[in-house]
C-alpha atoms as a PDB file:
ATOM      1  CA  MET A   1      16.278  15.330  -8.357  1.00  0.00           C
ATOM      2  CA  ARG A   2      14.437  12.791  -6.243  1.00  0.00           C
ATOM      3  CA  THR A   3      11.518  10.879  -7.752  1.00  0.00           C
ATOM      4  CA  GLY A   4       8.284   9.704  -6.211  1.00  0.00           C
ATOM      5  CA  VAL A   5       4.835   8.371  -7.028  1.00  0.00           C
ATOM      6  CA  PHE A   6       1.333   9.224  -5.877  1.00  0.00           C
ATOM      7  CA  LEU A   7      -0.346   6.078  -4.611  1.00  0.00           C
ATOM      8  CA  ALA A   8      -3.831   5.159  -5.806  1.00  0.00           C
ATOM      9  CA  ALA A   9      -6.135   5.716  -2.846  1.00  0.00           C
ATOM     10  CA  ASP A  10      -9.392   4.368  -4.278  1.00  0.00           C
ATOM     11  CA  GLY A  11      -8.975   0.711  -3.321  1.00  0.00           C
ATOM     12  CA  THR A  12      -8.594  -1.236  -0.097  1.00  0.00           C
ATOM     13  CA  LEU A  13      -5.854  -0.813   2.472  1.00  0.00           C
ATOM     14  CA  GLU A  14      -4.364  -4.079   1.230  1.00  0.00           C
ATOM     15  CA  GLN A  15      -4.205  -2.674  -2.294  1.00  0.00           C
ATOM     16  CA  LEU A  16      -2.652   0.510  -0.961  1.00  0.00           C
ATOM     17  CA  GLY A  17       0.013  -1.549   0.769  1.00  0.00           C
ATOM     18  CA  GLU A  18       0.679  -3.494  -2.427  1.00  0.00           C
ATOM     19  CA  GLY A  19       1.086  -0.242  -4.336  1.00  0.00           C
ATOM     20  CA  LEU A  20       3.507   1.079  -1.749  1.00  0.00           C
ATOM     21  CA  ALA A  21       5.529  -2.132  -1.850  1.00  0.00           C
ATOM     22  CA  ASP A  22       5.749  -1.894  -5.645  1.00  0.00           C
ATOM     23  CA  VAL A  23       6.967   1.703  -5.517  1.00  0.00           C
ATOM     24  CA  ALA A  24       9.610   0.769  -2.950  1.00  0.00           C
ATOM     25  CA  GLU A  25      10.767  -2.270  -4.930  1.00  0.00           C
ATOM     26  CA  ARG A  26      11.181  -0.101  -8.025  1.00  0.00           C
ATOM     27  CA  GLY A  27      13.634   2.061  -6.089  1.00  0.00           C
ATOM     28  CA  PHE A  28      11.704   5.317  -5.861  1.00  0.00           C
ATOM     29  CA  ASP A  29      12.707   7.851  -3.233  1.00  0.00           C
ATOM     30  CA  SER A  30       9.185   8.547  -2.032  1.00  0.00           C
ATOM     31  CA  ALA A  31       5.509   7.624  -2.160  1.00  0.00           C
ATOM     32  CA  TRP A  32       2.667  10.062  -1.500  1.00  0.00           C
ATOM     33  CA  LEU A  33      -0.928   9.789  -0.401  1.00  0.00           C
ATOM     34  CA  PRO A  34      -3.663  12.416  -0.791  1.00  0.00           C
ATOM     35  CA  ASN A  35      -6.186  13.218   1.921  1.00  0.00           C
ATOM     36  CA  ILE A  36      -9.373  13.808  -0.095  1.00  0.00           C
ATOM     37  CA  PHE A  37     -12.702  12.310   1.003  1.00  0.00           C
ATOM     38  CA  GLY A  38     -11.366   8.810   1.436  1.00  0.00           C
ATOM     39  CA  PHE A  39      -8.576   7.331   3.499  1.00  0.00           C
ATOM     40  CA  ASP A  40      -7.250   9.425   6.338  1.00  0.00           C
ATOM     41  CA  ALA A  41      -3.720   9.725   5.013  1.00  0.00           C
ATOM     42  CA  LEU A  42      -1.832   9.494   8.304  1.00  0.00           C
ATOM     43  CA  THR A  43      -3.854   6.541   9.570  1.00  0.00           C
ATOM     44  CA  ALA A  44      -3.363   4.732   6.267  1.00  0.00           C
ATOM     45  CA  ILE A  45       0.373   5.415   6.259  1.00  0.00           C
ATOM     46  CA  ALA A  46       0.688   4.127   9.814  1.00  0.00           C
ATOM     47  CA  ALA A  47      -1.230   1.002   8.804  1.00  0.00           C
ATOM     48  CA  VAL A  48       0.689   0.086   5.644  1.00  0.00           C
ATOM     49  CA  GLY A  49       3.874   2.170   5.793  1.00  0.00           C
ATOM     50  CA  ASN A  50       6.133  -0.720   6.637  1.00  0.00           C
ATOM     51  CA  ARG A  51       5.185  -2.406   3.362  1.00  0.00           C
ATOM     52  CA  GLY A  52       7.528   0.111   1.722  1.00  0.00           C
ATOM     53  CA  PRO A  53      10.717  -0.031   3.762  1.00  0.00           C
ATOM     54  CA  GLY A  54      13.388   2.576   3.284  1.00  0.00           C
ATOM     55  CA  ILE A  55      11.456   5.222   1.364  1.00  0.00           C
ATOM     56  CA  GLU A  56       9.898   8.482   2.433  1.00  0.00           C
ATOM     57  CA  ILE A  57       6.108   8.471   2.628  1.00  0.00           C
ATOM     58  CA  GLY A  58       4.336  11.802   2.353  1.00  0.00           C
ATOM     59  CA  THR A  59       0.918  13.364   2.668  1.00  0.00           C
ATOM     60  CA  ALA A  60      -0.117  15.704  -0.106  1.00  0.00           C
ATOM     61  CA  VAL A  61      -1.897  17.307   1.500  1.00  0.00           C
ATOM     62  CA  ILE A  62      -3.759  17.333   4.803  1.00  0.00           C
ATOM     63  CA  PRO A  63      -6.144  20.305   5.205  1.00  0.00           C
ATOM     64  CA  THR A  64      -5.354  22.288   8.327  1.00  0.00           C
ATOM     65  CA  TYR A  65      -8.722  23.813   9.194  1.00  0.00           C
ATOM     66  CA  PRO A  66     -10.461  20.603  10.372  1.00  0.00           C
ATOM     67  CA  ARG A  67      -7.529  19.561  12.608  1.00  0.00           C
ATOM     68  CA  HIS A  68      -6.212  21.512  15.539  1.00  0.00           C
ATOM     69  CA  PRO A  69      -2.406  21.690  15.328  1.00  0.00           C
ATOM     70  CA  MET A  70      -2.003  19.752  18.572  1.00  0.00           C
ATOM     71  CA  MET A  71      -4.087  16.910  17.167  1.00  0.00           C
ATOM     72  CA  LEU A  72      -2.283  16.915  13.832  1.00  0.00           C
ATOM     73  CA  ALA A  73       1.094  16.951  15.570  1.00  0.00           C
ATOM     74  CA  SER A  74       0.043  13.998  17.710  1.00  0.00           C
ATOM     75  CA  GLN A  75      -1.144  12.050  14.647  1.00  0.00           C
ATOM     76  CA  ALA A  76       1.989  12.848  12.670  1.00  0.00           C
ATOM     77  CA  LEU A  77       4.362  11.854  15.463  1.00  0.00           C
ATOM     78  CA  THR A  78       2.425   8.647  16.052  1.00  0.00           C
ATOM     79  CA  THR A  79       2.750   7.850  12.353  1.00  0.00           C
ATOM     80  CA  GLN A  80       6.459   8.634  12.553  1.00  0.00           C
ATOM     81  CA  ALA A  81       6.855   6.147  15.388  1.00  0.00           C
ATOM     82  CA  ALA A  82       4.907   3.507  13.437  1.00  0.00           C
ATOM     83  CA  ILE A  83       6.982   3.719  10.241  1.00  0.00           C
ATOM     84  CA  GLY A  84      10.434   4.466  11.597  1.00  0.00           C
ATOM     85  CA  ASN A  85      10.585   8.230  10.984  1.00  0.00           C
ATOM     86  CA  ARG A  86      10.066   8.300   7.221  1.00  0.00           C
ATOM     87  CA  LEU A  87       7.109  10.699   7.069  1.00  0.00           C
ATOM     88  CA  ALA A  88       6.963  13.938   5.092  1.00  0.00           C
ATOM     89  CA  LEU A  89       4.056  15.971   6.399  1.00  0.00           C
ATOM     90  CA  GLY A  90       2.401  17.915   3.599  1.00  0.00           C
ATOM     91  CA  ILE A  91      -0.297  20.318   4.761  1.00  0.00           C
ATOM     92  CA  GLY A  92      -2.424  22.977   3.107  1.00  0.00           C
ATOM     93  CA  LEU A  93      -5.366  25.323   3.396  1.00  0.00           C
ATOM     94  CA  SER A  94      -7.565  23.350   0.977  1.00  0.00           C
ATOM     95  CA  HIS A  95     -10.138  25.594  -0.744  1.00  0.00           C
ATOM     96  CA  GLN A  96     -12.886  27.953   0.359  1.00  0.00           C
ATOM     97  CA  ILE A  97     -15.612  25.822  -1.211  1.00  0.00           C
ATOM     98  CA  VAL A  98     -14.444  22.812   0.820  1.00  0.00           C
ATOM     99  CA  ILE A  99     -13.715  24.516   4.129  1.00  0.00           C
ATOM    100  CA  GLU A 100     -16.875  26.632   4.243  1.00  0.00           C
ATOM    101  CA  ASN A 101     -19.461  24.643   2.283  1.00  0.00           C
ATOM    102  CA  MET A 102     -18.466  21.133   3.367  1.00  0.00           C
ATOM    103  CA  PHE A 103     -16.805  21.531   6.778  1.00  0.00           C
ATOM    104  CA  GLY A 104     -18.609  24.650   7.922  1.00  0.00           C
ATOM    105  CA  TYR A 105     -15.489  26.559   8.993  1.00  0.00           C
ATOM    106  CA  SER A 106     -14.761  30.164   8.145  1.00  0.00           C
ATOM    107  CA  PHE A 107     -12.136  30.612   5.438  1.00  0.00           C
ATOM    108  CA  ASP A 108     -11.494  34.169   6.568  1.00  0.00           C
ATOM    109  CA  LYS A 109      -7.822  35.233   6.777  1.00  0.00           C
ATOM    110  CA  PRO A 110      -6.350  32.002   5.358  1.00  0.00           C
ATOM    111  CA  ALA A 111      -2.754  33.266   5.321  1.00  0.00           C
ATOM    112  CA  ARG A 112      -2.961  34.365   8.951  1.00  0.00           C
ATOM    113  CA  HIS A 113      -4.516  31.031   9.838  1.00  0.00           C
ATOM    114  CA  MET A 114      -1.567  29.181   8.274  1.00  0.00           C
ATOM    115  CA  LYS A 115       1.003  31.452   9.918  1.00  0.00           C
ATOM    116  CA  GLU A 116      -0.519  30.833  13.334  1.00  0.00           C
ATOM    117  CA  TYR A 117      -0.994  27.146  12.597  1.00  0.00           C
ATOM    118  CA  LEU A 118       2.717  26.756  11.856  1.00  0.00           C
ATOM    119  CA  GLN A 119       3.612  28.735  14.990  1.00  0.00           C
ATOM    120  CA  ALA A 120       1.924  25.949  16.937  1.00  0.00           C
ATOM    121  CA  LEU A 121       2.569  22.894  14.771  1.00  0.00           C
ATOM    122  CA  LEU A 122       6.317  23.161  14.224  1.00  0.00           C
ATOM    123  CA  PRO A 123       7.357  23.429  17.884  1.00  0.00           C
ATOM    124  CA  LEU A 124       4.891  20.692  18.831  1.00  0.00           C
ATOM    125  CA  LEU A 125       6.441  18.348  16.275  1.00  0.00           C
ATOM    126  CA  ALA A 126       9.841  19.084  17.838  1.00  0.00           C
ATOM    127  CA  GLY A 127       8.572  18.276  21.344  1.00  0.00           C
ATOM    128  CA  GLU A 128       8.620  21.895  22.457  1.00  0.00           C
ATOM    129  CA  PRO A 129       5.918  23.677  24.477  1.00  0.00           C
ATOM    130  CA  VAL A 130       3.658  26.169  22.715  1.00  0.00           C
ATOM    131  CA  ASN A 131       1.467  29.025  23.829  1.00  0.00           C
ATOM    132  CA  VAL A 132      -0.133  30.501  20.738  1.00  0.00           C
ATOM    133  CA  GLN A 133      -2.881  33.038  21.331  1.00  0.00           C
ATOM    134  CA  GLY A 134      -3.741  33.998  17.775  1.00  0.00           C
ATOM    135  CA  GLU A 135      -6.615  35.565  15.921  1.00  0.00           C
ATOM    136  CA  THR A 136      -7.567  32.318  14.219  1.00  0.00           C
ATOM    137  CA  LEU A 137      -6.543  29.657  16.750  1.00  0.00           C
ATOM    138  CA  LYS A 138      -5.200  28.995  20.223  1.00  0.00           C
ATOM    139  CA  ALA A 139      -2.813  26.222  21.168  1.00  0.00           C
ATOM    140  CA  VAL A 140      -1.306  25.672  24.601  1.00  0.00           C
ATOM    141  CA  GLY A 141       0.586  22.522  25.505  1.00  0.00           C
ATOM    142  CA  GLN A 142       3.354  20.083  24.652  1.00  0.00           C
ATOM    143  CA  LEU A 143       3.595  16.595  23.162  1.00  0.00           C
ATOM    144  CA  SER A 144       5.923  13.655  23.608  1.00  0.00           C
ATOM    145  CA  VAL A 145       5.849  10.537  21.433  1.00  0.00           C
ATOM    146  CA  ALA A 146       8.681   8.123  22.183  1.00  0.00           C
ATOM    147  CA  GLY A 147      10.894   7.346  19.219  1.00  0.00           C
ATOM    148  CA  ALA A 148       9.319   9.926  16.921  1.00  0.00           C
ATOM    149  CA  GLN A 149      11.406  12.583  15.193  1.00  0.00           C
ATOM    150  CA  ARG A 150      10.105  15.840  13.781  1.00  0.00           C
ATOM    151  CA  PRO A 151       9.086  15.213  10.160  1.00  0.00           C
ATOM    152  CA  PRO A 152       9.769  17.749   7.425  1.00  0.00           C
ATOM    153  CA  VAL A 153       6.734  19.967   6.922  1.00  0.00           C
ATOM    154  CA  LEU A 154       5.870  20.917   3.355  1.00  0.00           C
ATOM    155  CA  LEU A 155       3.290  23.574   2.684  1.00  0.00           C
ATOM    156  CA  ALA A 156       0.984  23.525  -0.325  1.00  0.00           C
ATOM    157  CA  ALA A 157       1.828  27.037  -1.476  1.00  0.00           C
ATOM    158  CA  LEU A 158       1.136  28.917  -4.683  1.00  0.00           C
ATOM    159  CA  ALA A 159       0.348  32.523  -3.713  1.00  0.00           C
ATOM    160  CA  PRO A 160       3.144  34.901  -2.564  1.00  0.00           C
ATOM    161  CA  THR A 161       2.323  34.950   1.159  1.00  0.00           C
ATOM    162  CA  MET A 162       2.055  31.185   1.365  1.00  0.00           C
ATOM    163  CA  LEU A 163       5.310  30.767  -0.538  1.00  0.00           C
ATOM    164  CA  LYS A 164       7.042  33.012   1.996  1.00  0.00           C
ATOM    165  CA  LEU A 165       5.796  30.747   4.774  1.00  0.00           C
ATOM    166  CA  ALA A 166       6.827  27.627   2.850  1.00  0.00           C
ATOM    167  CA  GLY A 167      10.399  28.826   2.451  1.00  0.00           C
ATOM    168  CA  GLY A 168      10.857  31.016   5.496  1.00  0.00           C
ATOM    169  CA  VAL A 169       9.082  28.931   8.138  1.00  0.00           C
ATOM    170  CA  ALA A 170       8.321  25.445   6.800  1.00  0.00           C
ATOM    171  CA  ASP A 171      10.680  23.090   4.963  1.00  0.00           C
ATOM    172  CA  GLY A 172       9.438  23.735   1.455  1.00  0.00           C
ATOM    173  CA  THR A 173       6.425  23.267  -0.746  1.00  0.00           C
ATOM    174  CA  VAL A 174       4.507  20.590  -2.579  1.00  0.00           C
ATOM    175  CA  THR A 175       2.693  21.743  -5.714  1.00  0.00           C
ATOM    176  CA  TRP A 176      -0.054  20.347  -7.901  1.00  0.00           C
ATOM    177  CA  MET A 177      -1.267  21.396 -11.347  1.00  0.00           C
ATOM    178  CA  THR A 178       1.654  23.786 -11.634  1.00  0.00           C
ATOM    179  CA  GLY A 179       3.695  23.590 -14.823  1.00  0.00           C
ATOM    180  CA  PRO A 180       7.476  23.826 -15.157  1.00  0.00           C
ATOM    181  CA  ALA A 181       7.555  27.437 -16.369  1.00  0.00           C
ATOM    182  CA  THR A 182       5.652  28.554 -13.279  1.00  0.00           C
ATOM    183  CA  VAL A 183       7.801  26.379 -11.039  1.00  0.00           C
ATOM    184  CA  GLY A 184      10.917  27.961 -12.502  1.00  0.00           C
ATOM    185  CA  ASP A 185       9.920  31.622 -12.563  1.00  0.00           C
ATOM    186  CA  HIS A 186       7.554  31.817  -9.574  1.00  0.00           C
ATOM    187  CA  ILE A 187       7.632  28.925  -7.106  1.00  0.00           C
ATOM    188  CA  VAL A 188      11.356  28.215  -6.770  1.00  0.00           C
ATOM    189  CA  PRO A 189      12.554  31.867  -6.722  1.00  0.00           C
ATOM    190  CA  SER A 190       9.918  32.815  -4.145  1.00  0.00           C
ATOM    191  CA  ILE A 191      10.592  30.074  -1.617  1.00  0.00           C
ATOM    192  CA  THR A 192      14.341  30.259  -2.121  1.00  0.00           C
ATOM    193  CA  ALA A 193      14.344  33.989  -1.407  1.00  0.00           C
ATOM    194  CA  ALA A 194      12.165  33.455   1.672  1.00  0.00           C
ATOM    195  CA  ALA A 195      14.509  30.779   3.025  1.00  0.00           C
ATOM    196  CA  GLU A 196      17.584  32.918   2.427  1.00  0.00           C
ATOM    197  CA  ALA A 197      15.987  35.930   4.119  1.00  0.00           C
ATOM    198  CA  ALA A 198      15.144  33.777   7.149  1.00  0.00           C
ATOM    199  CA  GLY A 199      18.591  32.176   7.272  1.00  0.00           C
ATOM    200  CA  ARG A 200      17.098  28.745   6.691  1.00  0.00           C
ATOM    201  CA  PRO A 201      18.400  25.811   4.628  1.00  0.00           C
ATOM    202  CA  ALA A 202      17.450  25.553   0.967  1.00  0.00           C
ATOM    203  CA  PRO A 203      13.791  24.458   0.828  1.00  0.00           C
ATOM    204  CA  ARG A 204      12.358  21.495  -1.008  1.00  0.00           C
ATOM    205  CA  THR A 205      10.129  21.979  -4.040  1.00  0.00           C
ATOM    206  CA  VAL A 206       8.087  18.849  -4.602  1.00  0.00           C
ATOM    207  CA  VAL A 207       6.334  19.037  -7.979  1.00  0.00           C
ATOM    208  CA  ALA A 208       3.469  16.606  -8.560  1.00  0.00           C
ATOM    209  CA  LEU A 209       1.955  16.300 -12.037  1.00  0.00           C
ATOM    210  CA  PRO A 210      -0.281  13.788 -13.835  1.00  0.00           C
ATOM    211  CA  THR A 211       2.031  11.598 -15.897  1.00  0.00           C
ATOM    212  CA  MET A 212       1.405   8.959 -18.550  1.00  0.00           C
ATOM    213  CA  VAL A 213       3.616   7.104 -21.002  1.00  0.00           C
ATOM    214  CA  THR A 214       1.271   6.343 -23.853  1.00  0.00           C
ATOM    215  CA  ASN A 215       1.019   5.793 -27.602  1.00  0.00           C
ATOM    216  CA  ASP A 216      -2.119   7.942 -27.805  1.00  0.00           C
ATOM    217  CA  VAL A 217      -1.478  11.456 -26.517  1.00  0.00           C
ATOM    218  CA  ASP A 218      -4.824  12.803 -27.705  1.00  0.00           C
ATOM    219  CA  GLU A 219      -6.684  10.159 -25.718  1.00  0.00           C
ATOM    220  CA  ALA A 220      -4.519  10.877 -22.670  1.00  0.00           C
ATOM    221  CA  LYS A 221      -5.288  14.591 -22.882  1.00  0.00           C
ATOM    222  CA  ALA A 222      -8.994  13.872 -23.271  1.00  0.00           C
ATOM    223  CA  ARG A 223      -8.899  11.587 -20.252  1.00  0.00           C
ATOM    224  CA  ALA A 224      -7.032  14.207 -18.226  1.00  0.00           C
ATOM    225  CA  SER A 225      -9.642  16.825 -19.134  1.00  0.00           C
ATOM    226  CA  LYS A 226     -12.310  14.643 -17.543  1.00  0.00           C
ATOM    227  CA  VAL A 227     -10.391  13.221 -14.583  1.00  0.00           C
ATOM    228  CA  PHE A 228      -8.881  16.526 -13.449  1.00  0.00           C
ATOM    229  CA  VAL A 229     -11.590  18.951 -14.576  1.00  0.00           C
ATOM    230  CA  VAL A 230     -12.316  20.203 -11.042  1.00  0.00           C
ATOM    231  CA  TYR A 231      -8.837  21.685 -10.679  1.00  0.00           C
ATOM    232  CA  GLY A 232      -9.380  24.036 -13.587  1.00  0.00           C
ATOM    233  CA  GLY A 233     -12.085  25.836 -11.642  1.00  0.00           C
ATOM    234  CA  LEU A 234     -10.465  26.156  -8.210  1.00  0.00           C
ATOM    235  CA  PRO A 235      -9.038  29.689  -7.839  1.00  0.00           C
ATOM    236  CA  SER A 236      -5.559  28.783  -6.597  1.00  0.00           C
ATOM    237  CA  TYR A 237      -4.932  26.235  -9.354  1.00  0.00           C
ATOM    238  CA  ARG A 238      -6.626  28.414 -11.958  1.00  0.00           C
ATOM    239  CA  ALA A 239      -4.140  31.177 -11.177  1.00  0.00           C
ATOM    240  CA  MET A 240      -1.198  28.808 -11.768  1.00  0.00           C
ATOM    241  CA  LEU A 241      -2.706  27.484 -14.998  1.00  0.00           C
ATOM    242  CA  ASP A 242      -3.180  31.048 -16.222  1.00  0.00           C
ATOM    243  CA  ARG A 243       0.408  31.896 -15.316  1.00  0.00           C
ATOM    244  CA  GLU A 244       1.547  28.839 -17.289  1.00  0.00           C
ATOM    245  CA  GLY A 245      -0.593  29.834 -20.272  1.00  0.00           C
ATOM    246  CA  ALA A 246      -2.632  26.643 -19.918  1.00  0.00           C
ATOM    247  CA  ALA A 247      -6.295  26.504 -20.854  1.00  0.00           C
ATOM    248  CA  GLY A 248      -6.912  23.669 -18.406  1.00  0.00           C
ATOM    249  CA  PRO A 249      -5.368  20.765 -16.500  1.00  0.00           C
ATOM    250  CA  ALA A 250      -4.827  18.742 -19.678  1.00  0.00           C
ATOM    251  CA  ASP A 251      -2.290  21.326 -20.803  1.00  0.00           C
ATOM    252  CA  VAL A 252       0.070  20.672 -17.881  1.00  0.00           C
ATOM    253  CA  VAL A 253      -0.072  16.875 -17.789  1.00  0.00           C
ATOM    254  CA  ILE A 254       3.019  15.016 -18.927  1.00  0.00           C
ATOM    255  CA  ALA A 255       2.021  12.557 -21.644  1.00  0.00           C
ATOM    256  CA  GLY A 256       3.689  10.936 -24.624  1.00  0.00           C
ATOM    257  CA  ASP A 257       6.177   8.248 -25.501  1.00  0.00           C
ATOM    258  CA  GLU A 258       9.141   7.381 -23.305  1.00  0.00           C
ATOM    259  CA  ALA A 259      11.434  10.038 -24.757  1.00  0.00           C
ATOM    260  CA  THR A 260       8.789  12.773 -24.529  1.00  0.00           C
ATOM    261  CA  VAL A 261       7.969  12.009 -20.906  1.00  0.00           C
ATOM    262  CA  ARG A 262      11.645  11.793 -19.936  1.00  0.00           C
ATOM    263  CA  LYS A 263      12.315  15.182 -21.544  1.00  0.00           C
ATOM    264  CA  ALA A 264       9.388  16.756 -19.713  1.00  0.00           C
ATOM    265  CA  ILE A 265      10.552  15.397 -16.359  1.00  0.00           C
ATOM    266  CA  ASP A 266      14.029  16.739 -17.043  1.00  0.00           C
ATOM    267  CA  GLY A 267      12.372  20.100 -17.672  1.00  0.00           C
ATOM    268  CA  VAL A 268      10.854  20.009 -14.196  1.00  0.00           C
ATOM    269  CA  ARG A 269      14.323  19.309 -12.785  1.00  0.00           C
ATOM    270  CA  ASP A 270      15.796  22.179 -14.774  1.00  0.00           C
ATOM    271  CA  ALA A 271      13.102  24.480 -13.372  1.00  0.00           C
ATOM    272  CA  GLY A 272      14.599  23.906  -9.919  1.00  0.00           C
ATOM    273  CA  ALA A 273      12.420  21.161  -8.450  1.00  0.00           C
ATOM    274  CA  THR A 274      14.079  19.014  -5.794  1.00  0.00           C
ATOM    275  CA  ASP A 275      11.487  16.249  -6.183  1.00  0.00           C
ATOM    276  CA  PHE A 276       9.276  15.107  -9.045  1.00  0.00           C
ATOM    277  CA  VAL A 277       6.220  13.064  -8.101  1.00  0.00           C
ATOM    278  CA  ALA A 278       4.327  11.298 -10.864  1.00  0.00           C
ATOM    279  CA  VAL A 279       0.572  10.868 -10.608  1.00  0.00           C
ATOM    280  CA  PRO A 280      -0.169   7.965 -12.984  1.00  0.00           C
ATOM    281  CA  PHE A 281      -3.622   8.117 -14.586  1.00  0.00           C
ATOM    282  CA  GLY A 282      -3.526   5.466 -17.297  1.00  0.00           C
ATOM    283  CA  ASN A 283      -4.387   1.804 -17.491  1.00  0.00           C
ATOM    284  CA  ALA A 284      -2.227  -0.874 -15.875  1.00  0.00           C
ATOM    285  CA  GLU A 285       0.099  -1.205 -18.882  1.00  0.00           C
ATOM    286  CA  GLU A 286       0.501   2.557 -19.272  1.00  0.00           C
ATOM    287  CA  ASN A 287       1.129   3.029 -15.574  1.00  0.00           C
ATOM    288  CA  ALA A 288       3.832   0.351 -15.575  1.00  0.00           C
ATOM    289  CA  ARG A 289       5.550   2.035 -18.508  1.00  0.00           C
ATOM    290  CA  THR A 290       5.199   5.376 -16.751  1.00  0.00           C
ATOM    291  CA  LEU A 291       6.855   4.179 -13.554  1.00  0.00           C
ATOM    292  CA  THR A 292       9.765   2.719 -15.506  1.00  0.00           C
ATOM    293  CA  VAL A 293      10.440   6.024 -17.235  1.00  0.00           C
ATOM    294  CA  VAL A 294       9.972   8.189 -14.134  1.00  0.00           C
ATOM    295  CA  LYS A 295      12.414   6.075 -12.182  1.00  0.00           C
ATOM    296  CA  GLY A 296      14.895   6.527 -15.012  1.00  0.00           C
END
């Protein structure tokens, strides 16, 4: 199982670059950047990506509704050219409250939107012409970015229809707030079956979870309850927490001493994940201990 780290995106670009360099120096396989009301992930990766040579750098995840697939494909390929083709393009629907109340788009027919979005995005990333005349979007054209290869496209997928797209059309999924039991009995079987039915290679399952090596588990859980409280109320994550038997986000975080955290990460591997991505949420000392354990 590959290992990666979510980068802190609440500082300056210089700090982001320093974080990326640290992750690369520690020997991780990947580093990931969210796209939530701060840095534009692709622009930031293009700006600092070469501070972390040799590792994959992913977005987790870019909302599709605000970006036409031709524009996203152009951005992604430009980023690929800037960092030497090490991008993993994670995309997702986001949430109704964000898309409708903040961006002003309709969230009607989200699964159809994503199906049509991928019909345009994937060929565009491969340099092929598209002519998509869908219910939710239209895309006609072709792109060419010298030196850029098609990046793997990972779909934030939790519900059955989205998981079918993640395995049968895209290159896999990237999950958040989804515990190992749900990964093992829902996520992995669903995307694997979809890939097999479509005659596609085995898909990636990138599992991201808050992770902390700490001497005070109760304090870590209390902190997680505050930091990640919003995810307990969003319908898609709430459904995965319910499936896991978790009252809230604090119940799926990985926290404890070195042995406890290592065992939990091994449990994610045993559930069928191809990648584990730690999201450190402790202080500087705790985060350093966390990265040491995650890297193994």
